[in-house]
Protein backbone atom coordinates (compact mmCIF):
# COMPACT_ATOMS: atom_id res chain seq x y z
CA UNK A 1 0.00 0.00 0.00
CA UNK A 2 2.95 2.32 0.54
CA UNK A 3 3.51 3.12 -3.12
CA UNK A 4 4.43 6.75 -2.47
CA UNK A 5 6.69 8.38 0.10
CA UNK A 6 3.64 9.94 1.75
CA UNK A 7 1.71 6.68 2.17
CA UNK A 8 4.82 4.76 3.20
CA UNK A 9 5.57 7.33 5.93
CA UNK A 10 2.01 7.13 7.24
CA UNK A 11 2.02 3.32 7.32
CA UNK A 12 5.43 3.23 9.00
CA UNK A 13 4.15 5.58 11.69
CA UNK A 14 1.04 3.44 12.25
CA UNK A 15 2.88 0.15 12.73
CA UNK A 16 5.62 1.79 14.76
CA UNK A 17 3.21 3.47 17.19
CA UNK A 18 1.40 0.19 17.78
CA UNK A 19 4.40 -1.29 19.55
CA UNK A 20 5.65 1.85 21.30
CA UNK A 21 2.26 2.87 22.73
CA UNK A 22 1.80 -0.61 24.19
CA UNK A 23 4.41 0.24 26.81
CA UNK A 24 1.74 2.26 28.60
CA UNK A 25 0.33 0.14 31.43
CA UNK A 26 -3.16 1.64 31.12
CA UNK A 27 -4.16 -0.09 27.90
CA UNK A 28 -7.87 0.63 28.27
CA UNK A 29 -7.47 4.40 28.39
CA UNK A 30 -4.88 4.48 25.62
CA UNK A 31 -6.29 4.71 22.12
CA UNK A 32 -4.97 1.95 19.94
CA UNK A 33 -3.08 3.10 16.89
CA UNK A 34 -3.50 -0.11 14.91
CA UNK A 35 -6.16 -2.77 15.35
CA UNK A 36 -5.66 -6.31 14.10
CA UNK A 37 -7.92 -9.31 14.58
CA UNK A 38 -6.72 -12.81 13.88
CA UNK A 39 -8.70 -16.03 13.68
CA UNK A 40 -7.04 -19.19 14.92
CA UNK A 41 -8.11 -22.79 15.30
CA UNK A 42 -6.59 -24.26 18.46
CA UNK A 43 -6.39 -27.71 20.00
CA UNK A 44 -8.45 -27.85 23.17
CA UNK A 45 -10.47 -25.06 24.75
CA UNK A 46 -9.42 -22.19 27.06
CA UNK A 47 -10.90 -22.21 30.55
CA UNK A 48 -12.45 -18.79 30.04
CA UNK A 49 -14.49 -17.56 27.09
CA UNK A 50 -12.31 -14.48 26.74
CA UNK A 51 -9.86 -12.19 28.43
CA UNK A 52 -6.48 -10.50 28.20
CA UNK A 53 -3.18 -12.35 28.27
CA UNK A 54 -0.33 -10.29 29.70
CA UNK A 55 2.77 -12.46 29.62
CA UNK A 56 6.27 -11.21 28.72
CA UNK A 57 8.13 -13.10 26.00
CA UNK A 58 11.80 -13.87 25.65
CA UNK A 59 14.09 -15.79 23.31
CA UNK A 60 15.84 -19.01 24.24
CA UNK A 61 18.83 -20.17 22.21
CA UNK A 62 18.97 -23.95 21.75
CA UNK A 63 21.31 -26.54 20.25
CA UNK A 64 24.42 -24.42 20.73
CA UNK A 65 22.95 -21.53 18.80
CA UNK A 66 21.57 -23.60 15.92
CA UNK A 67 17.93 -22.85 16.79
CA UNK A 68 15.87 -20.53 18.93
CA UNK A 69 12.49 -20.53 20.62
CA UNK A 70 10.25 -17.83 22.04
CA UNK A 71 8.79 -18.58 25.46
CA UNK A 72 6.97 -16.87 28.33
CA UNK A 73 9.46 -15.40 30.77
CA UNK A 74 8.84 -16.02 34.45
CA UNK A 75 11.05 -13.09 35.42
CA UNK A 76 9.63 -9.89 33.92
CA UNK A 77 12.83 -8.06 34.88
CA UNK A 78 15.03 -10.31 32.75
CA UNK A 79 16.96 -8.36 30.09
CA UNK A 80 15.44 -10.41 27.27
CA UNK A 81 11.83 -10.11 28.51
CA UNK A 82 9.53 -8.13 26.21
CA UNK A 83 6.14 -6.77 27.20
CA UNK A 84 3.43 -8.74 25.33
CA UNK A 85 -0.36 -8.46 25.59
CA UNK A 86 -3.05 -10.32 23.65
CA UNK A 87 -6.82 -10.01 23.88
CA UNK A 88 -8.81 -13.12 22.99
CA UNK A 89 -12.34 -14.46 22.81
CA UNK A 90 -13.90 -17.77 21.81
CA UNK A 91 -15.76 -17.70 18.51
CA UNK A 92 -16.94 -21.29 18.66
CA UNK A 93 -15.99 -24.68 20.07
CA UNK A 94 -16.42 -28.22 18.82
CA UNK A 95 -17.00 -31.53 20.55
CA UNK A 96 -14.18 -32.85 18.38
CA UNK A 97 -11.63 -31.05 20.53
CA UNK A 98 -11.07 -27.83 18.60
CA UNK A 99 -11.87 -24.19 19.33
CA UNK A 100 -11.98 -21.13 17.09
CA UNK A 101 -10.45 -18.03 18.70
CA UNK A 102 -10.37 -14.38 17.78
CA UNK A 103 -7.02 -12.90 18.80
CA UNK A 104 -6.19 -9.20 19.01
CA UNK A 105 -2.50 -8.51 19.64
CA UNK A 106 -2.02 -5.28 21.57
CA UNK A 107 1.72 -5.59 21.08
CA UNK A 108 3.73 -6.86 18.16
CA UNK A 109 6.22 -9.42 19.45
CA UNK A 110 7.71 -12.28 17.46
CA UNK A 111 5.51 -15.40 17.60
CA UNK A 112 3.36 -13.65 20.21
CA UNK A 113 0.02 -15.21 19.31
CA UNK A 114 1.48 -18.68 18.86
CA UNK A 115 3.25 -18.66 22.23
CA UNK A 116 0.38 -17.07 24.14
CA UNK A 117 -2.03 -19.69 22.76
CA UNK A 118 0.29 -22.62 23.46
CA UNK A 119 1.79 -21.64 26.81
CA UNK A 120 -0.61 -19.16 28.42
CA UNK A 121 -3.90 -20.75 27.33
CA UNK A 122 -2.64 -24.30 26.95
CA UNK A 123 -4.27 -24.53 23.51
CA UNK A 124 -1.67 -24.59 20.72
CA UNK A 125 -2.69 -23.48 17.25
CA UNK A 126 -3.41 -26.24 14.76
CA UNK A 127 -0.43 -26.67 12.45
CA UNK A 128 2.01 -24.99 14.84
CA UNK A 129 4.47 -27.83 15.33
CA UNK A 130 7.11 -25.58 16.87
CA UNK A 131 5.04 -24.69 19.92
CA UNK A 132 2.48 -27.48 19.92
CA UNK A 133 4.30 -30.64 18.89
CA UNK A 134 3.14 -32.74 21.83
CA UNK A 135 -0.51 -31.87 21.22
CA UNK A 136 -0.20 -32.75 17.53
CA UNK A 137 1.20 -36.19 18.32
CA UNK A 138 -2.13 -37.12 19.88
CA UNK A 139 -4.19 -35.40 17.20
CA UNK A 140 -6.32 -37.43 14.81
CA UNK A 141 -7.25 -35.90 11.48
CA UNK A 142 -10.95 -35.71 10.65
CA UNK A 143 -12.50 -36.93 7.39
CA UNK A 144 -14.31 -34.38 5.28
CA UNK A 145 -18.09 -34.41 5.85
CA UNK A 146 -20.33 -35.75 3.09
CA UNK A 147 -21.90 -32.32 2.53
CA UNK A 148 -18.47 -30.96 1.65
CA UNK A 149 -17.47 -33.84 -0.60
CA UNK A 150 -20.66 -33.96 -2.64
CA UNK A 151 -20.25 -31.82 -5.74
CA UNK A 152 -17.95 -29.44 -3.87
CA UNK A 153 -20.93 -27.33 -2.83
CA UNK A 154 -19.35 -25.61 0.17
CA UNK A 155 -15.77 -25.46 -1.10
CA UNK A 156 -14.81 -23.42 -4.17
CA UNK A 157 -13.25 -25.28 -7.05
CA UNK A 158 -9.58 -25.83 -6.49
CA UNK A 159 -7.37 -23.76 -8.75
CA UNK A 160 -4.40 -25.20 -10.64
CA UNK A 161 -1.22 -25.38 -8.60
CA UNK A 162 1.65 -24.95 -11.12
CA UNK A 163 4.25 -24.35 -8.39
CA UNK A 164 3.24 -27.41 -6.32
CA UNK A 165 2.37 -25.32 -3.27
CA UNK A 166 -0.32 -27.81 -2.16
CA UNK A 167 -2.90 -25.06 -1.88
CA UNK A 168 -5.72 -27.58 -1.50
CA UNK A 169 -4.16 -29.39 1.45
CA UNK A 170 -3.57 -28.52 5.08
CA UNK A 171 -6.96 -28.71 6.76
CA UNK A 172 -7.71 -30.80 9.85
CA UNK A 173 -8.91 -33.53 7.49
CA UNK A 174 -5.28 -34.00 6.38
CA UNK A 175 -2.56 -35.80 8.30
CA UNK A 176 -0.33 -32.71 8.51
CA UNK A 177 -2.46 -29.55 8.86
CA UNK A 178 -1.02 -26.20 7.91
CA UNK A 179 -0.86 -23.36 10.42
CA UNK A 180 -4.40 -22.24 11.24
CA UNK A 181 -3.67 -18.58 12.00
CA UNK A 182 -5.07 -15.85 9.78
CA UNK A 183 -5.28 -12.06 9.97
CA UNK A 184 -9.02 -11.65 9.43
CA UNK A 185 -9.30 -7.90 9.91
CA UNK A 186 -7.02 -4.88 10.11
CA UNK A 187 -8.11 -1.32 10.82
CA UNK A 188 -5.73 1.53 9.99
CA UNK A 189 -6.47 4.65 12.06
CA UNK A 190 -7.05 8.22 10.94
CA UNK A 191 -4.32 8.84 8.37
CA UNK A 192 -3.99 12.52 9.26
CA UNK A 193 -3.07 11.57 12.84
CA UNK A 194 -0.44 9.17 11.56
CA UNK A 195 1.05 11.87 9.35
CA UNK A 196 1.19 14.27 12.29
CA UNK A 197 3.01 11.69 14.40
CA UNK A 198 5.42 11.02 11.54
CA UNK A 199 5.88 14.78 11.12
CA UNK A 200 5.26 14.52 7.40
CA UNK A 201 4.56 17.74 5.51
CA UNK A 202 2.11 17.42 2.65
CA UNK A 203 0.32 19.82 0.35
CA UNK A 204 -2.68 17.50 0.34
CA UNK A 205 -5.44 18.14 2.86
CA UNK A 206 -5.75 14.85 4.74
CA UNK A 207 -7.60 16.14 7.78
CA UNK A 208 -10.81 14.32 6.90
CA UNK A 209 -9.25 11.04 5.77
CA UNK A 210 -11.16 8.21 7.46
CA UNK A 211 -9.69 5.02 8.84
CA UNK A 212 -9.20 2.11 6.46
CA UNK A 213 -10.66 -1.29 7.28
CA UNK A 214 -9.25 -4.35 5.54
CA UNK A 215 -11.04 -7.70 5.74
CA UNK A 216 -9.66 -10.96 4.36
CA UNK A 217 -11.57 -14.25 3.92
CA UNK A 218 -10.25 -17.45 5.41
CA UNK A 219 -7.58 -19.23 3.35
CA UNK A 220 -8.58 -22.45 1.62
CA UNK A 221 -7.28 -24.89 4.25
CA UNK A 222 -8.90 -23.01 7.13
CA UNK A 223 -12.22 -22.80 5.30
CA UNK A 224 -12.13 -26.57 4.84
CA UNK A 225 -11.51 -27.00 8.57
CA UNK A 226 -14.39 -24.63 9.33
CA UNK A 227 -16.67 -26.75 7.14
CA UNK A 228 -15.47 -29.95 8.81
CA UNK A 229 -16.27 -28.67 12.28
CA UNK A 230 -19.57 -27.08 11.22
CA UNK A 231 -21.01 -30.31 9.85
C-alpha atoms as a PDB file:
ATOM      1  CA  UNK A   1       0.000   0.000   0.000  1.00  0.00           C
ATOM      2  CA  UNK A   2       2.950   2.315   0.543  1.00  0.00           C
ATOM      3  CA  UNK A   3       3.509   3.123  -3.122  1.00  0.00           C
ATOM      4  CA  UNK A   4       4.431   6.753  -2.470  1.00  0.00           C
ATOM      5  CA  UNK A   5       6.694   8.384   0.097  1.00  0.00           C
ATOM      6  CA  UNK A   6       3.644   9.939   1.753  1.00  0.00           C
ATOM      7  CA  UNK A   7       1.713   6.684   2.168  1.00  0.00           C
ATOM      8  CA  UNK A   8       4.822   4.763   3.203  1.00  0.00           C
ATOM      9  CA  UNK A   9       5.570   7.333   5.926  1.00  0.00           C
ATOM     10  CA  UNK A  10       2.011   7.125   7.241  1.00  0.00           C
ATOM     11  CA  UNK A  11       2.022   3.321   7.323  1.00  0.00           C
ATOM     12  CA  UNK A  12       5.430   3.230   8.998  1.00  0.00           C
ATOM     13  CA  UNK A  13       4.155   5.576  11.690  1.00  0.00           C
ATOM     14  CA  UNK A  14       1.044   3.441  12.246  1.00  0.00           C
ATOM     15  CA  UNK A  15       2.885   0.155  12.725  1.00  0.00           C
ATOM     16  CA  UNK A  16       5.621   1.787  14.762  1.00  0.00           C
ATOM     17  CA  UNK A  17       3.208   3.473  17.187  1.00  0.00           C
ATOM     18  CA  UNK A  18       1.403   0.189  17.778  1.00  0.00           C
ATOM     19  CA  UNK A  19       4.398  -1.287  19.548  1.00  0.00           C
ATOM     20  CA  UNK A  20       5.646   1.846  21.296  1.00  0.00           C
ATOM     21  CA  UNK A  21       2.258   2.867  22.733  1.00  0.00           C
ATOM     22  CA  UNK A  22       1.796  -0.608  24.187  1.00  0.00           C
ATOM     23  CA  UNK A  23       4.412   0.238  26.811  1.00  0.00           C
ATOM     24  CA  UNK A  24       1.739   2.262  28.596  1.00  0.00           C
ATOM     25  CA  UNK A  25       0.330   0.137  31.428  1.00  0.00           C
ATOM     26  CA  UNK A  26      -3.163   1.641  31.123  1.00  0.00           C
ATOM     27  CA  UNK A  27      -4.158  -0.090  27.898  1.00  0.00           C
ATOM     28  CA  UNK A  28      -7.870   0.628  28.265  1.00  0.00           C
ATOM     29  CA  UNK A  29      -7.467   4.403  28.387  1.00  0.00           C
ATOM     30  CA  UNK A  30      -4.875   4.484  25.620  1.00  0.00           C
ATOM     31  CA  UNK A  31      -6.295   4.706  22.122  1.00  0.00           C
ATOM     32  CA  UNK A  32      -4.974   1.946  19.940  1.00  0.00           C
ATOM     33  CA  UNK A  33      -3.083   3.099  16.891  1.00  0.00           C
ATOM     34  CA  UNK A  34      -3.496  -0.109  14.905  1.00  0.00           C
ATOM     35  CA  UNK A  35      -6.162  -2.771  15.349  1.00  0.00           C
ATOM     36  CA  UNK A  36      -5.661  -6.308  14.100  1.00  0.00           C
ATOM     37  CA  UNK A  37      -7.924  -9.311  14.584  1.00  0.00           C
ATOM     38  CA  UNK A  38      -6.720 -12.813  13.882  1.00  0.00           C
ATOM     39  CA  UNK A  39      -8.700 -16.030  13.682  1.00  0.00           C
ATOM     40  CA  UNK A  40      -7.036 -19.192  14.924  1.00  0.00           C
ATOM     41  CA  UNK A  41      -8.114 -22.795  15.305  1.00  0.00           C
ATOM     42  CA  UNK A  42      -6.595 -24.260  18.462  1.00  0.00           C
ATOM     43  CA  UNK A  43      -6.387 -27.708  19.999  1.00  0.00           C
ATOM     44  CA  UNK A  44      -8.454 -27.852  23.168  1.00  0.00           C
ATOM     45  CA  UNK A  45     -10.473 -25.064  24.754  1.00  0.00           C
ATOM     46  CA  UNK A  46      -9.418 -22.191  27.058  1.00  0.00           C
ATOM     47  CA  UNK A  47     -10.896 -22.212  30.546  1.00  0.00           C
ATOM     48  CA  UNK A  48     -12.449 -18.792  30.041  1.00  0.00           C
ATOM     49  CA  UNK A  49     -14.495 -17.559  27.090  1.00  0.00           C
ATOM     50  CA  UNK A  50     -12.314 -14.485  26.742  1.00  0.00           C
ATOM     51  CA  UNK A  51      -9.857 -12.194  28.428  1.00  0.00           C
ATOM     52  CA  UNK A  52      -6.478 -10.502  28.200  1.00  0.00           C
ATOM     53  CA  UNK A  53      -3.175 -12.350  28.273  1.00  0.00           C
ATOM     54  CA  UNK A  54      -0.334 -10.286  29.703  1.00  0.00           C
ATOM     55  CA  UNK A  55       2.773 -12.462  29.622  1.00  0.00           C
ATOM     56  CA  UNK A  56       6.267 -11.212  28.717  1.00  0.00           C
ATOM     57  CA  UNK A  57       8.126 -13.096  26.005  1.00  0.00           C
ATOM     58  CA  UNK A  58      11.803 -13.865  25.650  1.00  0.00           C
ATOM     59  CA  UNK A  59      14.088 -15.794  23.314  1.00  0.00           C
ATOM     60  CA  UNK A  60      15.837 -19.007  24.240  1.00  0.00           C
ATOM     61  CA  UNK A  61      18.830 -20.171  22.208  1.00  0.00           C
ATOM     62  CA  UNK A  62      18.969 -23.953  21.753  1.00  0.00           C
ATOM     63  CA  UNK A  63      21.314 -26.540  20.248  1.00  0.00           C
ATOM     64  CA  UNK A  64      24.425 -24.418  20.728  1.00  0.00           C
ATOM     65  CA  UNK A  65      22.953 -21.531  18.796  1.00  0.00           C
ATOM     66  CA  UNK A  66      21.566 -23.595  15.924  1.00  0.00           C
ATOM     67  CA  UNK A  67      17.933 -22.849  16.795  1.00  0.00           C
ATOM     68  CA  UNK A  68      15.872 -20.529  18.933  1.00  0.00           C
ATOM     69  CA  UNK A  69      12.494 -20.533  20.622  1.00  0.00           C
ATOM     70  CA  UNK A  70      10.254 -17.827  22.038  1.00  0.00           C
ATOM     71  CA  UNK A  71       8.795 -18.576  25.461  1.00  0.00           C
ATOM     72  CA  UNK A  72       6.971 -16.867  28.327  1.00  0.00           C
ATOM     73  CA  UNK A  73       9.459 -15.396  30.774  1.00  0.00           C
ATOM     74  CA  UNK A  74       8.844 -16.023  34.453  1.00  0.00           C
ATOM     75  CA  UNK A  75      11.053 -13.088  35.419  1.00  0.00           C
ATOM     76  CA  UNK A  76       9.632  -9.892  33.923  1.00  0.00           C
ATOM     77  CA  UNK A  77      12.833  -8.062  34.882  1.00  0.00           C
ATOM     78  CA  UNK A  78      15.027 -10.309  32.750  1.00  0.00           C
ATOM     79  CA  UNK A  79      16.958  -8.361  30.088  1.00  0.00           C
ATOM     80  CA  UNK A  80      15.438 -10.414  27.266  1.00  0.00           C
ATOM     81  CA  UNK A  81      11.834 -10.106  28.514  1.00  0.00           C
ATOM     82  CA  UNK A  82       9.534  -8.132  26.210  1.00  0.00           C
ATOM     83  CA  UNK A  83       6.136  -6.768  27.196  1.00  0.00           C
ATOM     84  CA  UNK A  84       3.434  -8.745  25.331  1.00  0.00           C
ATOM     85  CA  UNK A  85      -0.357  -8.460  25.593  1.00  0.00           C
ATOM     86  CA  UNK A  86      -3.051 -10.324  23.653  1.00  0.00           C
ATOM     87  CA  UNK A  87      -6.820 -10.010  23.883  1.00  0.00           C
ATOM     88  CA  UNK A  88      -8.810 -13.123  22.988  1.00  0.00           C
ATOM     89  CA  UNK A  89     -12.343 -14.462  22.814  1.00  0.00           C
ATOM     90  CA  UNK A  90     -13.895 -17.770  21.814  1.00  0.00           C
ATOM     91  CA  UNK A  91     -15.762 -17.704  18.511  1.00  0.00           C
ATOM     92  CA  UNK A  92     -16.941 -21.293  18.656  1.00  0.00           C
ATOM     93  CA  UNK A  93     -15.993 -24.676  20.070  1.00  0.00           C
ATOM     94  CA  UNK A  94     -16.423 -28.219  18.824  1.00  0.00           C
ATOM     95  CA  UNK A  95     -16.998 -31.525  20.550  1.00  0.00           C
ATOM     96  CA  UNK A  96     -14.181 -32.849  18.376  1.00  0.00           C
ATOM     97  CA  UNK A  97     -11.626 -31.047  20.532  1.00  0.00           C
ATOM     98  CA  UNK A  98     -11.066 -27.833  18.597  1.00  0.00           C
ATOM     99  CA  UNK A  99     -11.867 -24.191  19.329  1.00  0.00           C
ATOM    100  CA  UNK A 100     -11.982 -21.127  17.089  1.00  0.00           C
ATOM    101  CA  UNK A 101     -10.454 -18.033  18.699  1.00  0.00           C
ATOM    102  CA  UNK A 102     -10.369 -14.376  17.778  1.00  0.00           C
ATOM    103  CA  UNK A 103      -7.016 -12.900  18.803  1.00  0.00           C
ATOM    104  CA  UNK A 104      -6.185  -9.201  19.008  1.00  0.00           C
ATOM    105  CA  UNK A 105      -2.495  -8.509  19.639  1.00  0.00           C
ATOM    106  CA  UNK A 106      -2.024  -5.278  21.573  1.00  0.00           C
ATOM    107  CA  UNK A 107       1.720  -5.590  21.079  1.00  0.00           C
ATOM    108  CA  UNK A 108       3.734  -6.864  18.157  1.00  0.00           C
ATOM    109  CA  UNK A 109       6.222  -9.417  19.449  1.00  0.00           C
ATOM    110  CA  UNK A 110       7.707 -12.279  17.458  1.00  0.00           C
ATOM    111  CA  UNK A 111       5.508 -15.401  17.601  1.00  0.00           C
ATOM    112  CA  UNK A 112       3.361 -13.650  20.213  1.00  0.00           C
ATOM    113  CA  UNK A 113       0.018 -15.210  19.313  1.00  0.00           C
ATOM    114  CA  UNK A 114       1.483 -18.675  18.859  1.00  0.00           C
ATOM    115  CA  UNK A 115       3.249 -18.665  22.226  1.00  0.00           C
ATOM    116  CA  UNK A 116       0.375 -17.074  24.135  1.00  0.00           C
ATOM    117  CA  UNK A 117      -2.026 -19.694  22.761  1.00  0.00           C
ATOM    118  CA  UNK A 118       0.294 -22.618  23.457  1.00  0.00           C
ATOM    119  CA  UNK A 119       1.788 -21.639  26.809  1.00  0.00           C
ATOM    120  CA  UNK A 120      -0.610 -19.161  28.423  1.00  0.00           C
ATOM    121  CA  UNK A 121      -3.904 -20.748  27.332  1.00  0.00           C
ATOM    122  CA  UNK A 122      -2.638 -24.304  26.946  1.00  0.00           C
ATOM    123  CA  UNK A 123      -4.272 -24.528  23.513  1.00  0.00           C
ATOM    124  CA  UNK A 124      -1.669 -24.593  20.721  1.00  0.00           C
ATOM    125  CA  UNK A 125      -2.691 -23.484  17.252  1.00  0.00           C
ATOM    126  CA  UNK A 126      -3.407 -26.238  14.759  1.00  0.00           C
ATOM    127  CA  UNK A 127      -0.432 -26.669  12.451  1.00  0.00           C
ATOM    128  CA  UNK A 128       2.011 -24.991  14.839  1.00  0.00           C
ATOM    129  CA  UNK A 129       4.466 -27.834  15.331  1.00  0.00           C
ATOM    130  CA  UNK A 130       7.111 -25.581  16.866  1.00  0.00           C
ATOM    131  CA  UNK A 131       5.039 -24.687  19.923  1.00  0.00           C
ATOM    132  CA  UNK A 132       2.482 -27.481  19.923  1.00  0.00           C
ATOM    133  CA  UNK A 133       4.300 -30.638  18.891  1.00  0.00           C
ATOM    134  CA  UNK A 134       3.137 -32.745  21.829  1.00  0.00           C
ATOM    135  CA  UNK A 135      -0.515 -31.871  21.222  1.00  0.00           C
ATOM    136  CA  UNK A 136      -0.201 -32.754  17.528  1.00  0.00           C
ATOM    137  CA  UNK A 137       1.203 -36.188  18.316  1.00  0.00           C
ATOM    138  CA  UNK A 138      -2.133 -37.119  19.884  1.00  0.00           C
ATOM    139  CA  UNK A 139      -4.193 -35.397  17.201  1.00  0.00           C
ATOM    140  CA  UNK A 140      -6.315 -37.431  14.808  1.00  0.00           C
ATOM    141  CA  UNK A 141      -7.253 -35.896  11.479  1.00  0.00           C
ATOM    142  CA  UNK A 142     -10.948 -35.714  10.646  1.00  0.00           C
ATOM    143  CA  UNK A 143     -12.500 -36.925   7.391  1.00  0.00           C
ATOM    144  CA  UNK A 144     -14.307 -34.382   5.276  1.00  0.00           C
ATOM    145  CA  UNK A 145     -18.094 -34.414   5.852  1.00  0.00           C
ATOM    146  CA  UNK A 146     -20.332 -35.750   3.094  1.00  0.00           C
ATOM    147  CA  UNK A 147     -21.896 -32.320   2.534  1.00  0.00           C
ATOM    148  CA  UNK A 148     -18.469 -30.958   1.651  1.00  0.00           C
ATOM    149  CA  UNK A 149     -17.467 -33.838  -0.598  1.00  0.00           C
ATOM    150  CA  UNK A 150     -20.660 -33.956  -2.640  1.00  0.00           C
ATOM    151  CA  UNK A 151     -20.250 -31.825  -5.743  1.00  0.00           C
ATOM    152  CA  UNK A 152     -17.951 -29.439  -3.873  1.00  0.00           C
ATOM    153  CA  UNK A 153     -20.930 -27.333  -2.830  1.00  0.00           C
ATOM    154  CA  UNK A 154     -19.349 -25.613   0.174  1.00  0.00           C
ATOM    155  CA  UNK A 155     -15.773 -25.455  -1.103  1.00  0.00           C
ATOM    156  CA  UNK A 156     -14.812 -23.417  -4.167  1.00  0.00           C
ATOM    157  CA  UNK A 157     -13.252 -25.276  -7.055  1.00  0.00           C
ATOM    158  CA  UNK A 158      -9.578 -25.833  -6.485  1.00  0.00           C
ATOM    159  CA  UNK A 159      -7.374 -23.757  -8.747  1.00  0.00           C
ATOM    160  CA  UNK A 160      -4.404 -25.200 -10.638  1.00  0.00           C
ATOM    161  CA  UNK A 161      -1.216 -25.377  -8.604  1.00  0.00           C
ATOM    162  CA  UNK A 162       1.647 -24.953 -11.115  1.00  0.00           C
ATOM    163  CA  UNK A 163       4.249 -24.351  -8.389  1.00  0.00           C
ATOM    164  CA  UNK A 164       3.244 -27.413  -6.323  1.00  0.00           C
ATOM    165  CA  UNK A 165       2.367 -25.318  -3.265  1.00  0.00           C
ATOM    166  CA  UNK A 166      -0.319 -27.812  -2.156  1.00  0.00           C
ATOM    167  CA  UNK A 167      -2.903 -25.058  -1.879  1.00  0.00           C
ATOM    168  CA  UNK A 168      -5.720 -27.579  -1.496  1.00  0.00           C
ATOM    169  CA  UNK A 169      -4.161 -29.386   1.452  1.00  0.00           C
ATOM    170  CA  UNK A 170      -3.568 -28.521   5.078  1.00  0.00           C
ATOM    171  CA  UNK A 171      -6.957 -28.705   6.763  1.00  0.00           C
ATOM    172  CA  UNK A 172      -7.714 -30.798   9.853  1.00  0.00           C
ATOM    173  CA  UNK A 173      -8.908 -33.534   7.492  1.00  0.00           C
ATOM    174  CA  UNK A 174      -5.283 -34.000   6.377  1.00  0.00           C
ATOM    175  CA  UNK A 175      -2.558 -35.804   8.303  1.00  0.00           C
ATOM    176  CA  UNK A 176      -0.329 -32.712   8.513  1.00  0.00           C
ATOM    177  CA  UNK A 177      -2.461 -29.554   8.858  1.00  0.00           C
ATOM    178  CA  UNK A 178      -1.016 -26.197   7.907  1.00  0.00           C
ATOM    179  CA  UNK A 179      -0.861 -23.359  10.420  1.00  0.00           C
ATOM    180  CA  UNK A 180      -4.395 -22.240  11.237  1.00  0.00           C
ATOM    181  CA  UNK A 181      -3.671 -18.581  11.997  1.00  0.00           C
ATOM    182  CA  UNK A 182      -5.071 -15.846   9.778  1.00  0.00           C
ATOM    183  CA  UNK A 183      -5.276 -12.063   9.973  1.00  0.00           C
ATOM    184  CA  UNK A 184      -9.022 -11.650   9.431  1.00  0.00           C
ATOM    185  CA  UNK A 185      -9.301  -7.898   9.910  1.00  0.00           C
ATOM    186  CA  UNK A 186      -7.024  -4.880  10.108  1.00  0.00           C
ATOM    187  CA  UNK A 187      -8.108  -1.317  10.816  1.00  0.00           C
ATOM    188  CA  UNK A 188      -5.733   1.527   9.988  1.00  0.00           C
ATOM    189  CA  UNK A 189      -6.470   4.650  12.058  1.00  0.00           C
ATOM    190  CA  UNK A 190      -7.048   8.217  10.937  1.00  0.00           C
ATOM    191  CA  UNK A 191      -4.323   8.844   8.372  1.00  0.00           C
ATOM    192  CA  UNK A 192      -3.987  12.524   9.260  1.00  0.00           C
ATOM    193  CA  UNK A 193      -3.070  11.570  12.838  1.00  0.00           C
ATOM    194  CA  UNK A 194      -0.439   9.165  11.558  1.00  0.00           C
ATOM    195  CA  UNK A 195       1.045  11.869   9.354  1.00  0.00           C
ATOM    196  CA  UNK A 196       1.185  14.269  12.286  1.00  0.00           C
ATOM    197  CA  UNK A 197       3.008  11.691  14.397  1.00  0.00           C
ATOM    198  CA  UNK A 198       5.419  11.022  11.542  1.00  0.00           C
ATOM    199  CA  UNK A 199       5.876  14.783  11.117  1.00  0.00           C
ATOM    200  CA  UNK A 200       5.258  14.519   7.397  1.00  0.00           C
ATOM    201  CA  UNK A 201       4.565  17.735   5.514  1.00  0.00           C
ATOM    202  CA  UNK A 202       2.115  17.422   2.649  1.00  0.00           C
ATOM    203  CA  UNK A 203       0.316  19.823   0.347  1.00  0.00           C
ATOM    204  CA  UNK A 204      -2.679  17.503   0.336  1.00  0.00           C
ATOM    205  CA  UNK A 205      -5.437  18.136   2.860  1.00  0.00           C
ATOM    206  CA  UNK A 206      -5.752  14.849   4.737  1.00  0.00           C
ATOM    207  CA  UNK A 207      -7.599  16.144   7.781  1.00  0.00           C
ATOM    208  CA  UNK A 208     -10.813  14.316   6.900  1.00  0.00           C
ATOM    209  CA  UNK A 209      -9.254  11.042   5.775  1.00  0.00           C
ATOM    210  CA  UNK A 210     -11.156   8.213   7.463  1.00  0.00           C
ATOM    211  CA  UNK A 211      -9.693   5.019   8.837  1.00  0.00           C
ATOM    212  CA  UNK A 212      -9.202   2.114   6.460  1.00  0.00           C
ATOM    213  CA  UNK A 213     -10.663  -1.285   7.283  1.00  0.00           C
ATOM    214  CA  UNK A 214      -9.247  -4.346   5.535  1.00  0.00           C
ATOM    215  CA  UNK A 215     -11.039  -7.699   5.741  1.00  0.00           C
ATOM    216  CA  UNK A 216      -9.664 -10.960   4.357  1.00  0.00           C
ATOM    217  CA  UNK A 217     -11.572 -14.249   3.918  1.00  0.00           C
ATOM    218  CA  UNK A 218     -10.248 -17.454   5.412  1.00  0.00           C
ATOM    219  CA  UNK A 219      -7.576 -19.226   3.353  1.00  0.00           C
ATOM    220  CA  UNK A 220      -8.581 -22.447   1.620  1.00  0.00           C
ATOM    221  CA  UNK A 221      -7.282 -24.892   4.246  1.00  0.00           C
ATOM    222  CA  UNK A 222      -8.898 -23.006   7.134  1.00  0.00           C
ATOM    223  CA  UNK A 223     -12.217 -22.796   5.295  1.00  0.00           C
ATOM    224  CA  UNK A 224     -12.130 -26.569   4.842  1.00  0.00           C
ATOM    225  CA  UNK A 225     -11.515 -26.999   8.566  1.00  0.00           C
ATOM    226  CA  UNK A 226     -14.391 -24.630   9.325  1.00  0.00           C
ATOM    227  CA  UNK A 227     -16.673 -26.751   7.142  1.00  0.00           C
ATOM    228  CA  UNK A 228     -15.465 -29.948   8.810  1.00  0.00           C
ATOM    229  CA  UNK A 229     -16.271 -28.668  12.276  1.00  0.00           C
ATOM    230  CA  UNK A 230     -19.566 -27.083  11.218  1.00  0.00           C
ATOM    231  CA  UNK A 231     -21.008 -30.307   9.853  1.00  0.00           C
END
